[in-house]
Amino acid sequence: MSNLSCGIVGLPNVGKSTLFNALLKKVQAGAENFPFCTIEPNVGIVNVPDDRLDVLSKLSKSKKVLPATMTFVDIAGLVKGASKGEGLGNQFLANIRETDAIVHVVRCFEDDEVVHVEGKIDPIGDIEVINLELILADLQMAQNSLQKIERQAKGNKALMPTQNLLQKIIDHLNENQPVRSIELTKEEKELLKTYHFITAKKVIYAANLSEEEITTLDSPHYRAVQEYAAKEKSQLLPFCAKLEEELAQLSEEEAAEYLDSLGLKEPGLNRLIKTSFETLGLITFLTTGEQETRAWTVPAGSPAPEAAGKIHTDIQKGFIRAEVVTFDDMVACSGRVGAKEAGKARSEGKDYTVQDGDVILFFHN
């Protein structure tokens, strides 16, 4: 579960690698426990910013703090014709198929010194170049899968729903629409899980603005991307790669002052990490004690025993109950002992659905 990943995609020269490198430097500078480890040249693990951990660790006098993590993959710049193997086409598409969500970096800034592959700034055109390549790659996969299923379905009527679903997907893709925008029944959604369509993944559009425009968000290019994302029901995140790169070089105090002078609350990177986390449908529950205060990642809607299994499979197997205190109650009552005395510690069984920010103590045999 901890290895859910977001692929960062975009045309060449849109600020994709600047963003990735800023993530890399920031994490190296800001966290001792989980340095940003580059597993391959283009894979990095970053901490999910969470102020609650420091608060809890002070209450528990913890020796260490372990945040939740997210994996980001910097995927080679895509060019027109990737679905036919142009550029690093096939490798690019294989890399992106393996990620769980897509961060699509779109250039919205004007700068004569940074060449644009198409020679002009046109964010919607750029988005459509990439989306078209992904749609073509999915179309090819759907057609190949359909041929196979049609042969098998002749002798096996149980495969008809899959055959119908693939045909429905092909028709949708032929209208230049991504798989994520198709209306599916519950049964169809289940069948879809066996296929790794790229355009079925959720997308966060990361609009790369100039330093002037990031503070006002007053740019026709940005507004165009805003409309496009809204129509697609996708998330949109404004950021300035150049600013993020500068912030990554500063100490925490200096970075905070710099952001404040621009009237910004937090770095775009923090927002990107949090948004990616939410887009993947993840939440964190917390454990705290003298040894460590730690954030654990589970899918939203997870029952208590499943959450216990994140810590250790034995705790899941021998699960008896979970003692749950909300983060706010932990703080208000100065810790678990105070929360118990105030009647704020709940005893929950196997059916309990873990909520974001629950501070949990598991009892097991």
Protein backbone atom coordinates (compact mmCIF):
# COMPACT_ATOMS: atom_id res chain seq x y z
CA MET A 1 0.00 0.00 0.00
CA SER A 2 2.83 2.43 0.81
CA ASN A 3 4.03 2.14 -2.77
CA LEU A 4 1.10 3.90 -4.44
CA SER A 5 2.62 6.24 -6.98
CA CYS A 6 1.93 9.32 -9.08
CA GLY A 7 3.54 9.64 -12.49
CA ILE A 8 4.62 13.17 -13.44
CA VAL A 9 4.02 13.68 -17.17
CA GLY A 10 4.16 16.56 -19.61
CA LEU A 11 5.70 17.69 -22.88
CA PRO A 12 9.41 18.54 -22.87
CA ASN A 13 10.28 21.96 -21.30
CA VAL A 14 7.08 22.44 -19.30
CA GLY A 15 8.82 22.37 -15.89
CA LYS A 16 8.33 18.69 -15.16
CA SER A 17 11.88 17.86 -14.12
CA THR A 18 12.25 21.16 -12.25
CA LEU A 19 9.22 20.16 -10.20
CA PHE A 20 10.57 16.65 -9.63
CA ASN A 21 14.03 17.95 -8.65
CA ALA A 22 12.49 20.48 -6.27
CA LEU A 23 10.57 17.64 -4.62
CA LEU A 24 13.85 15.76 -4.37
CA LYS A 25 15.88 18.60 -2.83
CA LYS A 26 13.14 19.66 -0.45
CA VAL A 27 12.80 16.21 0.96
CA GLN A 28 16.53 15.70 1.32
CA ALA A 29 16.76 18.97 3.18
CA GLY A 30 13.69 18.58 5.34
CA ALA A 31 13.54 15.01 6.62
CA GLU A 32 16.06 12.81 8.32
CA ASN A 33 14.02 9.63 8.62
CA PHE A 34 13.02 9.21 4.99
CA PRO A 35 15.58 10.83 2.76
CA PHE A 36 14.21 11.11 -0.74
CA CYS A 37 15.51 7.83 -2.03
CA THR A 38 16.00 7.51 -5.73
CA ILE A 39 15.20 3.88 -6.43
CA GLU A 40 15.73 4.28 -10.17
CA PRO A 41 17.01 7.45 -11.78
CA ASN A 42 13.44 8.75 -11.89
CA VAL A 43 11.62 7.42 -8.83
CA GLY A 44 11.47 9.26 -5.52
CA ILE A 45 9.72 8.78 -2.19
CA VAL A 46 8.56 11.94 -0.43
CA ASN A 47 7.06 12.63 2.98
CA VAL A 48 3.43 13.69 3.22
CA PRO A 49 3.45 17.00 5.15
CA ASP A 50 1.46 16.58 8.38
CA ASP A 51 1.70 19.10 11.23
CA ARG A 52 -0.19 16.72 13.56
CA LEU A 53 2.88 14.50 13.93
CA ASP A 54 5.03 17.16 15.63
CA VAL A 55 2.20 18.03 18.00
CA LEU A 56 1.72 14.38 19.02
CA SER A 57 5.44 13.68 19.32
CA LYS A 58 5.77 16.58 21.79
CA LEU A 59 2.86 15.19 23.84
CA SER A 60 4.38 11.70 23.89
CA LYS A 61 8.03 12.87 24.08
CA SER A 62 8.68 10.54 21.12
CA LYS A 63 12.25 9.67 20.12
CA LYS A 64 11.39 9.79 16.41
CA VAL A 65 8.72 10.91 13.98
CA LEU A 66 7.81 8.87 10.88
CA PRO A 67 5.53 10.58 8.33
CA ALA A 68 3.48 8.85 5.66
CA THR A 69 5.13 8.73 2.23
CA MET A 70 4.15 9.09 -1.43
CA THR A 71 6.05 7.85 -4.47
CA PHE A 72 6.56 10.11 -7.48
CA VAL A 73 7.86 8.91 -10.84
CA ASP A 74 9.38 11.40 -13.27
CA ILE A 75 8.37 10.02 -16.66
CA ALA A 76 10.41 10.96 -19.75
CA GLY A 77 8.99 13.91 -21.73
CA LEU A 78 6.33 12.71 -24.13
CA VAL A 79 6.29 13.66 -27.79
CA LYS A 80 3.68 13.40 -30.53
CA GLY A 81 3.60 9.86 -31.89
CA ALA A 82 4.55 8.16 -28.59
CA SER A 83 1.71 5.67 -29.03
CA LYS A 84 3.46 4.60 -32.25
CA GLY A 85 6.78 4.30 -30.44
CA GLU A 86 8.16 7.77 -31.28
CA GLY A 87 10.76 9.14 -28.84
CA LEU A 88 10.79 6.94 -25.77
CA GLY A 89 7.16 6.13 -26.57
CA ASN A 90 6.82 2.51 -25.55
CA GLN A 91 8.92 2.86 -22.42
CA PHE A 92 7.05 6.03 -21.48
CA LEU A 93 3.68 4.31 -21.82
CA ALA A 94 4.83 1.25 -19.84
CA ASN A 95 6.10 3.52 -17.01
CA ILE A 96 2.88 5.48 -16.85
CA ARG A 97 0.72 2.33 -16.89
CA GLU A 98 2.44 1.22 -13.68
CA THR A 99 1.56 4.38 -11.72
CA ASP A 100 -1.72 4.86 -9.82
CA ALA A 101 -2.48 8.47 -10.76
CA ILE A 102 -1.09 11.10 -13.11
CA VAL A 103 0.29 14.56 -12.36
CA HIS A 104 0.11 16.33 -15.73
CA VAL A 105 2.40 19.38 -15.76
CA VAL A 106 1.13 22.09 -18.13
CA ARG A 107 3.11 25.14 -19.12
CA CYS A 108 1.17 28.38 -18.58
CA PHE A 109 4.11 30.80 -18.41
CA GLU A 110 5.66 32.92 -21.17
CA ASP A 111 9.49 32.94 -21.29
CA ASP A 112 11.50 33.55 -24.44
CA GLU A 113 14.52 31.79 -22.97
CA VAL A 114 12.67 28.50 -22.43
CA VAL A 115 11.75 27.11 -25.83
CA HIS A 116 8.38 25.46 -26.26
CA VAL A 117 8.37 22.29 -28.40
CA GLU A 118 5.47 23.58 -30.49
CA GLY A 119 6.91 27.12 -30.70
CA LYS A 120 4.02 28.79 -28.82
CA ILE A 121 2.36 28.71 -25.38
CA ASP A 122 -0.91 26.81 -25.74
CA PRO A 123 -1.74 24.86 -22.57
CA ILE A 124 -4.93 23.25 -23.92
CA GLY A 125 -3.15 22.20 -27.10
CA ASP A 126 -0.37 20.71 -24.95
CA ILE A 127 -2.84 18.81 -22.77
CA GLU A 128 -4.56 17.45 -25.86
CA VAL A 129 -1.27 16.26 -27.43
CA ILE A 130 -0.59 14.13 -24.38
CA ASN A 131 -4.18 13.03 -23.82
CA LEU A 132 -4.44 11.97 -27.46
CA GLU A 133 -1.29 9.82 -27.18
CA LEU A 134 -2.69 8.17 -24.05
CA ILE A 135 -6.09 7.64 -25.70
CA LEU A 136 -4.41 6.05 -28.77
CA ALA A 137 -2.35 3.75 -26.54
CA ASP A 138 -5.51 2.68 -24.67
CA LEU A 139 -7.39 2.21 -27.93
CA GLN A 140 -4.70 -0.14 -29.21
CA MET A 141 -4.82 -2.12 -25.97
CA ALA A 142 -8.64 -2.27 -25.95
CA GLN A 143 -8.77 -3.48 -29.57
CA ASN A 144 -6.18 -6.20 -28.92
CA SER A 145 -8.05 -7.31 -25.78
CA LEU A 146 -11.38 -7.32 -27.63
CA GLN A 147 -10.05 -9.58 -30.42
CA LYS A 148 -8.84 -12.06 -27.82
CA ILE A 149 -12.11 -11.98 -25.85
CA GLU A 150 -14.25 -12.35 -29.01
CA ARG A 151 -12.43 -15.59 -29.86
CA GLN A 152 -12.88 -16.94 -26.31
CA ALA A 153 -16.50 -15.74 -25.96
CA LYS A 154 -17.63 -17.98 -28.82
CA GLY A 155 -17.38 -20.97 -26.54
CA ASN A 156 -18.00 -19.12 -23.26
CA LYS A 157 -21.09 -16.94 -22.85
CA ALA A 158 -19.84 -15.71 -19.44
CA LEU A 159 -17.36 -13.50 -21.28
CA MET A 160 -20.08 -11.49 -23.05
CA PRO A 161 -20.20 -8.69 -20.40
CA THR A 162 -16.43 -8.20 -20.80
CA GLN A 163 -16.78 -8.16 -24.58
CA ASN A 164 -19.55 -5.55 -24.35
CA LEU A 165 -17.51 -3.42 -21.92
CA LEU A 166 -14.46 -3.42 -24.21
CA GLN A 167 -16.64 -2.40 -27.16
CA LYS A 168 -18.14 0.41 -25.06
CA ILE A 169 -14.64 1.60 -24.12
CA ILE A 170 -13.46 1.52 -27.75
CA ASP A 171 -16.46 3.63 -28.85
CA HIS A 172 -15.75 6.12 -26.05
CA LEU A 173 -12.03 6.37 -26.85
CA ASN A 174 -12.87 6.83 -30.55
CA GLU A 175 -14.76 9.97 -29.53
CA ASN A 176 -11.46 11.24 -28.09
CA GLN A 177 -12.70 10.76 -24.52
CA PRO A 178 -10.63 9.25 -21.68
CA VAL A 179 -11.83 6.05 -19.98
CA ARG A 180 -12.20 7.92 -16.66
CA SER A 181 -15.11 9.96 -18.10
CA ILE A 182 -17.22 6.94 -19.14
CA GLU A 183 -20.39 6.08 -17.18
CA LEU A 184 -20.09 2.50 -15.91
CA THR A 185 -22.31 0.16 -13.88
CA LYS A 186 -20.99 -1.45 -10.70
CA GLU A 187 -20.40 -4.73 -12.60
CA GLU A 188 -18.54 -2.93 -15.39
CA LYS A 189 -16.31 -1.15 -12.87
CA GLU A 190 -15.34 -4.55 -11.43
CA LEU A 191 -14.54 -5.93 -14.89
CA LEU A 192 -12.51 -2.82 -15.72
CA LYS A 193 -10.12 -3.49 -12.82
CA THR A 194 -8.39 -6.29 -14.73
CA TYR A 195 -7.35 -3.82 -17.46
CA HIS A 196 -4.74 -1.15 -16.87
CA PHE A 197 -6.05 1.64 -19.06
CA ILE A 198 -3.92 4.74 -18.73
CA THR A 199 -6.82 7.15 -19.29
CA ALA A 200 -8.80 5.46 -16.49
CA LYS A 201 -6.34 6.93 -13.97
CA LYS A 202 -7.23 10.10 -12.08
CA VAL A 203 -5.37 13.21 -13.20
CA ILE A 204 -4.11 16.27 -11.34
CA TYR A 205 -3.33 19.11 -13.74
CA ALA A 206 -0.34 21.04 -12.35
CA ALA A 207 -0.37 24.46 -14.02
CA ASN A 208 3.13 25.91 -14.09
CA LEU A 209 2.78 29.72 -13.78
CA SER A 210 5.29 32.58 -13.68
CA GLU A 211 6.28 34.07 -10.30
CA GLU A 212 4.03 37.09 -10.97
CA GLU A 213 1.00 35.01 -11.88
CA ILE A 214 1.24 32.44 -9.06
CA THR A 215 0.27 35.15 -6.55
CA THR A 216 -2.74 36.45 -8.52
CA LEU A 217 -3.76 33.40 -10.63
CA ASP A 218 -4.82 36.05 -13.13
CA SER A 219 -3.76 34.51 -16.42
CA PRO A 220 -5.82 33.57 -19.47
CA HIS A 221 -3.73 30.40 -19.87
CA TYR A 222 -4.49 29.36 -16.29
CA ARG A 223 -8.20 30.08 -16.68
CA ALA A 224 -8.28 27.90 -19.81
CA VAL A 225 -6.76 24.97 -17.91
CA GLN A 226 -9.16 25.63 -15.02
CA GLU A 227 -12.14 25.23 -17.36
CA TYR A 228 -10.67 22.13 -18.97
CA ALA A 229 -10.03 20.43 -15.60
CA ALA A 230 -13.49 21.34 -14.30
CA LYS A 231 -15.16 19.83 -17.37
CA GLU A 232 -13.19 16.63 -16.81
CA LYS A 233 -13.85 16.73 -13.01
CA SER A 234 -10.08 16.57 -12.50
CA GLN A 235 -8.07 18.37 -9.81
CA LEU A 236 -6.13 21.51 -10.73
CA LEU A 237 -3.09 22.76 -8.86
CA PRO A 238 -1.36 26.07 -9.65
CA PHE A 239 2.38 26.18 -8.93
CA CYS A 240 5.55 27.91 -10.09
CA ALA A 241 8.39 25.46 -10.78
CA LYS A 242 10.99 28.24 -10.67
CA LEU A 243 9.77 29.40 -7.25
CA GLU A 244 9.66 25.81 -5.93
CA GLU A 245 13.25 25.33 -7.05
CA GLU A 246 14.30 28.49 -5.19
CA LEU A 247 12.36 27.49 -2.05
CA ALA A 248 13.98 24.04 -2.06
CA GLN A 249 17.39 25.73 -1.61
CA LEU A 250 16.33 27.74 1.47
CA SER A 251 16.11 26.83 5.16
CA GLU A 252 12.58 26.31 6.53
CA GLU A 253 12.59 29.77 8.18
CA GLU A 254 13.83 31.53 5.04
CA ALA A 255 11.32 29.66 2.85
CA ALA A 256 8.45 30.62 5.20
CA GLU A 257 9.50 34.30 5.09
CA TYR A 258 9.81 34.25 1.31
CA LEU A 259 6.35 32.68 0.88
CA ASP A 260 4.90 35.19 3.33
CA SER A 261 6.37 38.09 1.35
CA LEU A 262 4.55 36.73 -1.72
CA GLY A 263 1.32 36.27 0.24
CA LEU A 264 1.42 32.47 -0.17
CA LYS A 265 0.59 30.07 2.69
CA GLU A 266 2.66 27.02 1.79
CA PRO A 267 4.89 25.70 -0.99
CA GLY A 268 3.15 24.30 -4.06
CA LEU A 269 5.03 21.06 -3.43
CA ASN A 270 3.19 20.52 -0.14
CA ARG A 271 -0.12 21.07 -1.89
CA LEU A 272 0.90 18.71 -4.68
CA ILE A 273 1.84 15.93 -2.24
CA LYS A 274 -1.38 16.34 -0.22
CA THR A 275 -3.56 16.54 -3.35
CA SER A 276 -1.91 13.42 -4.82
CA PHE A 277 -2.54 11.60 -1.54
CA GLU A 278 -6.24 12.56 -1.57
CA THR A 279 -6.60 11.78 -5.29
CA LEU A 280 -5.43 8.22 -4.59
CA GLY A 281 -8.17 7.93 -1.92
CA LEU A 282 -5.73 7.59 0.98
CA ILE A 283 -6.00 8.68 4.61
CA THR A 284 -3.62 8.42 7.57
CA PHE A 285 -4.19 7.16 11.07
CA LEU A 286 -1.63 7.88 13.78
CA THR A 287 0.13 5.98 16.53
CA THR A 288 2.15 7.69 19.21
CA GLY A 289 4.31 6.75 22.19
CA GLU A 290 7.77 7.29 23.64
CA GLN A 291 9.47 5.26 20.90
CA GLU A 292 7.87 6.97 17.93
CA THR A 293 4.98 8.99 16.55
CA ARG A 294 3.99 7.65 13.16
CA ALA A 295 1.51 8.19 10.33
CA TRP A 296 0.18 5.03 8.64
CA THR A 297 -1.41 5.03 5.21
CA VAL A 298 -4.67 3.18 4.47
CA PRO A 299 -7.34 3.52 1.76
CA ALA A 300 -10.30 5.63 2.92
CA GLY A 301 -13.02 3.31 4.22
CA SER A 302 -10.63 0.73 5.74
CA PRO A 303 -11.93 -1.31 8.71
CA ALA A 304 -9.91 -1.31 11.95
CA PRO A 305 -8.36 -4.82 11.56
CA GLU A 306 -7.04 -3.90 8.11
CA ALA A 307 -5.44 -0.77 9.57
CA ALA A 308 -3.92 -2.93 12.32
CA GLY A 309 -2.39 -5.13 9.62
CA LYS A 310 -0.41 -2.13 8.34
CA ILE A 311 1.53 -2.21 11.61
CA HIS A 312 1.90 -6.00 11.73
CA THR A 313 -0.01 -8.95 10.29
CA ASP A 314 -0.05 -10.57 13.76
CA ILE A 315 -1.99 -7.58 15.15
CA GLN A 316 -4.56 -8.02 12.37
CA LYS A 317 -4.86 -11.78 12.99
CA GLY A 318 -5.23 -11.42 16.75
CA PHE A 319 -7.28 -8.20 16.63
CA ILE A 320 -9.44 -7.74 19.76
CA ARG A 321 -10.31 -4.04 19.68
CA ALA A 322 -9.01 -0.57 18.88
CA GLU A 323 -8.89 2.27 21.36
CA VAL A 324 -9.53 5.41 19.30
CA VAL A 325 -9.03 9.06 20.26
CA THR A 326 -9.43 11.83 17.67
CA PHE A 327 -6.38 14.02 17.11
CA ASP A 328 -8.23 17.10 18.45
CA ASP A 329 -9.22 15.26 21.65
CA MET A 330 -5.62 14.03 22.12
CA VAL A 331 -4.43 17.64 22.02
CA ALA A 332 -7.28 19.07 24.12
CA CYS A 333 -6.76 16.41 26.83
CA SER A 334 -2.93 16.52 26.68
CA GLY A 335 -2.58 12.87 25.66
CA ARG A 336 -4.26 9.47 25.87
CA VAL A 337 -4.44 9.35 29.69
CA GLY A 338 -6.26 12.68 29.82
CA ALA A 339 -8.52 11.63 26.94
CA LYS A 340 -9.47 8.44 28.80
CA GLU A 341 -10.26 10.40 31.98
CA ALA A 342 -12.41 12.81 29.96
CA GLY A 343 -14.29 9.88 28.38
CA LYS A 344 -12.92 10.70 24.93
CA ALA A 345 -11.26 7.32 24.26
CA ARG A 346 -13.64 5.03 22.35
CA SER A 347 -13.39 1.26 22.25
CA GLU A 348 -14.07 0.11 18.66
CA GLY A 349 -14.50 -3.39 17.23
CA LYS A 350 -13.83 -5.10 13.90
CA ASP A 351 -16.54 -3.16 12.04
CA TYR A 352 -15.13 0.27 12.84
CA THR A 353 -14.13 2.36 9.79
CA VAL A 354 -10.89 4.20 10.45
CA GLN A 355 -11.06 8.00 10.00
CA ASP A 356 -8.28 10.35 8.95
CA GLY A 357 -6.37 11.57 12.02
CA ASP A 358 -7.58 8.82 14.39
CA VAL A 359 -4.92 8.16 17.04
CA ILE A 360 -5.21 4.42 17.62
CA LEU A 361 -3.96 1.89 20.12
CA PHE A 362 -4.63 -1.69 19.01
CA PHE A 363 -5.28 -4.57 21.44
CA HIS A 364 -4.57 -8.07 20.14
CA ASN A 365 -3.78 -11.53 21.42
